[in-house]
Amino acid sequence: MPKQYLAKKKGKYVQHKYEHMEEAVRAVKDGEMSVRLAAERYGLPKSTLYDRVSGRFNLETKPGRKPVLDITTENQIINSVTENAEKGFGLSRQQLLTRAGILCKRANISGFCNVTPSKHWWYGLKRRHPEIGLRKPEKLGTQRSWIYHNRAKS
């Protein structure tokens, strides 16, 4: 059974619900209560609530690093991989990481050390797209590839 990747925990990290934050911000902006009272009532950190109310951070701002690749580029990679897998041309993890690195180099996207994405990026990609899985690529005969290729056209 493969090992499950677990990130190290570094203390408290977003232990409140998004709905509570929205309600508290609305209550403070409507003048129903102060930031301190709203933070106590909804169980939120006072400084976080103040940052959202003052406009320092938007309500939509998510915690953590911003992704290296935007959503559209990542979805293009996933679509390409799944289409090739349906045709019978699988990719290994290393091949996928190399192709993603080449794509980033061509698009002048910096953010990956040594051009190739790390295993941490791979685990994040699998978390965001659970339909992706590792399979060992098998050799595909020319007759089978011709059948897959023609079936995909129709």
Protein backbone atom coordinates (compact mmCIF):
# COMPACT_ATOMS: atom_id res chain seq x y z
CA MET A 1 0.00 0.00 0.00
CA PRO A 2 1.50 3.39 -0.94
CA LYS A 3 2.42 5.90 1.70
CA GLN A 4 0.04 8.77 2.15
CA TYR A 5 1.62 12.20 1.87
CA LEU A 6 0.95 14.37 4.92
CA ALA A 7 2.15 17.94 5.27
CA LYS A 8 3.61 19.03 8.58
CA LYS A 9 1.19 20.95 10.79
CA LYS A 10 2.39 24.30 12.05
CA GLY A 11 -0.12 25.22 14.73
CA LYS A 12 -3.51 26.88 14.31
CA TYR A 13 -4.57 27.31 10.72
CA VAL A 14 -8.02 28.53 9.64
CA GLN A 15 -10.21 26.87 12.21
CA HIS A 16 -13.29 28.94 11.43
CA LYS A 17 -16.04 28.52 8.86
CA TYR A 18 -16.31 30.79 5.86
CA GLU A 19 -20.02 31.40 6.52
CA HIS A 20 -19.25 32.72 10.01
CA MET A 21 -16.73 35.17 8.56
CA GLU A 22 -19.29 36.47 6.03
CA GLU A 23 -21.94 36.95 8.73
CA ALA A 24 -19.51 38.71 11.08
CA VAL A 25 -18.26 41.09 8.37
CA ARG A 26 -21.85 41.92 7.39
CA ALA A 27 -22.80 42.54 11.03
CA VAL A 28 -19.84 44.89 11.59
CA LYS A 29 -20.39 46.80 8.35
CA ASP A 30 -24.11 47.20 9.11
CA GLY A 31 -23.20 48.69 12.50
CA GLU A 32 -24.93 45.96 14.49
CA MET A 33 -21.82 45.22 16.60
CA SER A 34 -18.15 46.04 17.01
CA VAL A 35 -15.28 43.98 15.60
CA ARG A 36 -14.39 42.65 19.05
CA LEU A 37 -17.95 41.61 19.86
CA ALA A 38 -18.47 39.99 16.45
CA ALA A 39 -15.20 38.09 16.80
CA GLU A 40 -16.28 36.72 20.18
CA ARG A 41 -19.82 35.86 19.06
CA TYR A 42 -18.80 34.05 15.86
CA GLY A 43 -15.61 32.48 17.26
CA LEU A 44 -13.21 34.25 14.90
CA PRO A 45 -9.78 35.78 15.45
CA LYS A 46 -10.19 39.52 16.03
CA SER A 47 -7.28 40.55 13.81
CA THR A 48 -8.51 38.39 10.93
CA LEU A 49 -11.99 39.86 11.16
CA TYR A 50 -10.58 43.38 11.29
CA ASP A 51 -8.48 42.71 8.17
CA ARG A 52 -11.59 41.59 6.28
CA VAL A 53 -13.74 44.52 7.47
CA SER A 54 -11.10 47.18 6.78
CA GLY A 55 -10.53 45.89 3.24
CA ARG A 56 -6.94 44.84 3.82
CA PHE A 57 -7.94 41.38 2.60
CA ASN A 58 -10.98 40.42 0.54
CA LEU A 59 -13.45 37.86 1.78
CA GLU A 60 -12.46 35.65 -1.16
CA THR A 61 -8.76 35.66 -0.23
CA LYS A 62 -7.70 32.12 0.59
CA PRO A 63 -4.88 31.35 3.01
CA GLY A 64 -1.62 29.93 1.76
CA ARG A 65 0.60 30.48 -1.22
CA LYS A 66 -0.75 31.45 -4.59
CA PRO A 67 -0.50 28.61 -7.12
CA VAL A 68 2.34 28.73 -9.63
CA LEU A 69 0.08 27.83 -12.55
CA ASP A 70 -3.28 29.46 -13.05
CA ILE A 71 -6.43 27.34 -13.18
CA THR A 72 -6.81 27.42 -16.97
CA THR A 73 -3.25 26.22 -17.61
CA GLU A 74 -3.61 23.47 -15.03
CA ASN A 75 -6.91 22.35 -16.57
CA GLN A 76 -5.28 22.24 -20.02
CA ILE A 77 -2.59 19.94 -18.65
CA ILE A 78 -5.21 17.69 -17.02
CA ASN A 79 -7.34 17.56 -20.18
CA SER A 80 -4.30 16.68 -22.29
CA VAL A 81 -3.29 13.90 -19.91
CA THR A 82 -6.78 12.39 -19.75
CA GLU A 83 -7.25 12.53 -23.54
CA ASN A 84 -3.93 10.77 -24.09
CA ALA A 85 -4.78 8.18 -21.43
CA GLU A 86 -8.11 7.43 -23.16
CA LYS A 87 -6.19 6.86 -26.40
CA GLY A 88 -3.87 4.46 -24.62
CA PHE A 89 -0.85 6.72 -24.17
CA GLY A 90 -0.23 6.99 -20.45
CA LEU A 91 2.29 9.25 -18.76
CA SER A 92 4.39 8.53 -15.73
CA ARG A 93 4.69 11.09 -12.95
CA GLN A 94 8.16 12.11 -14.07
CA GLN A 95 7.00 12.60 -17.68
CA LEU A 96 4.10 14.78 -16.52
CA LEU A 97 6.37 16.89 -14.30
CA THR A 98 8.88 17.33 -17.12
CA ARG A 99 6.17 18.41 -19.58
CA ALA A 100 4.71 20.86 -17.05
CA GLY A 101 8.19 22.31 -16.54
CA ILE A 102 8.72 22.72 -20.29
CA LEU A 103 5.32 24.40 -20.61
CA CYS A 104 6.23 26.85 -17.83
CA LYS A 105 9.59 27.58 -19.41
CA ARG A 106 7.95 28.35 -22.78
CA ALA A 107 5.34 30.59 -21.14
CA ASN A 108 8.00 32.35 -19.00
CA ILE A 109 6.32 31.28 -15.77
CA SER A 110 8.84 31.20 -12.95
CA GLY A 111 8.17 29.55 -9.65
CA PHE A 112 9.55 26.05 -10.01
CA CYS A 113 13.08 25.40 -8.81
CA ASN A 114 15.28 23.74 -11.43
CA VAL A 115 12.51 24.20 -14.05
CA THR A 116 10.80 20.91 -13.10
CA PRO A 117 7.91 20.97 -10.60
CA SER A 118 8.51 19.16 -7.33
CA LYS A 119 6.69 16.21 -5.81
CA HIS A 120 4.83 18.68 -3.57
CA TRP A 121 3.29 20.30 -6.67
CA TRP A 122 2.34 16.82 -7.86
CA TYR A 123 0.59 15.99 -4.58
CA GLY A 124 -1.26 19.31 -4.70
CA LEU A 125 -2.32 18.62 -8.30
CA LYS A 126 -3.65 15.21 -7.27
CA ARG A 127 -5.55 16.82 -4.39
CA ARG A 128 -7.13 19.41 -6.72
CA HIS A 129 -7.85 16.85 -9.46
CA PRO A 130 -8.64 13.47 -7.87
CA GLU A 131 -9.45 11.93 -11.28
CA ILE A 132 -5.71 11.83 -12.00
CA GLY A 133 -3.98 8.66 -10.89
CA LEU A 134 -0.65 6.98 -11.45
CA ARG A 135 -0.58 4.05 -13.78
CA LYS A 136 2.47 2.42 -15.21
CA PRO A 137 2.49 3.16 -18.94
CA GLU A 138 2.25 0.00 -21.00
CA LYS A 139 3.57 -0.57 -24.48
CA LEU A 140 0.87 -0.08 -27.07
CA GLY A 141 0.94 -1.89 -30.36
CA THR A 142 0.41 0.06 -33.57
CA GLN A 143 -2.87 -1.74 -34.30
CA ARG A 144 -4.33 -0.85 -30.90
CA SER A 145 -3.16 2.75 -31.17
CA TRP A 146 -4.80 3.01 -34.60
CA ILE A 147 -8.08 1.69 -33.14
CA TYR A 148 -7.95 4.14 -30.21
CA HIS A 149 -7.05 7.03 -32.49
CA ASN A 150 -9.93 6.32 -34.91
CA ARG A 151 -12.41 5.71 -32.10
CA ALA A 152 -11.52 9.11 -30.59
CA LYS A 153 -12.23 10.87 -33.91
CA SER A 154 -15.76 9.47 -34.22
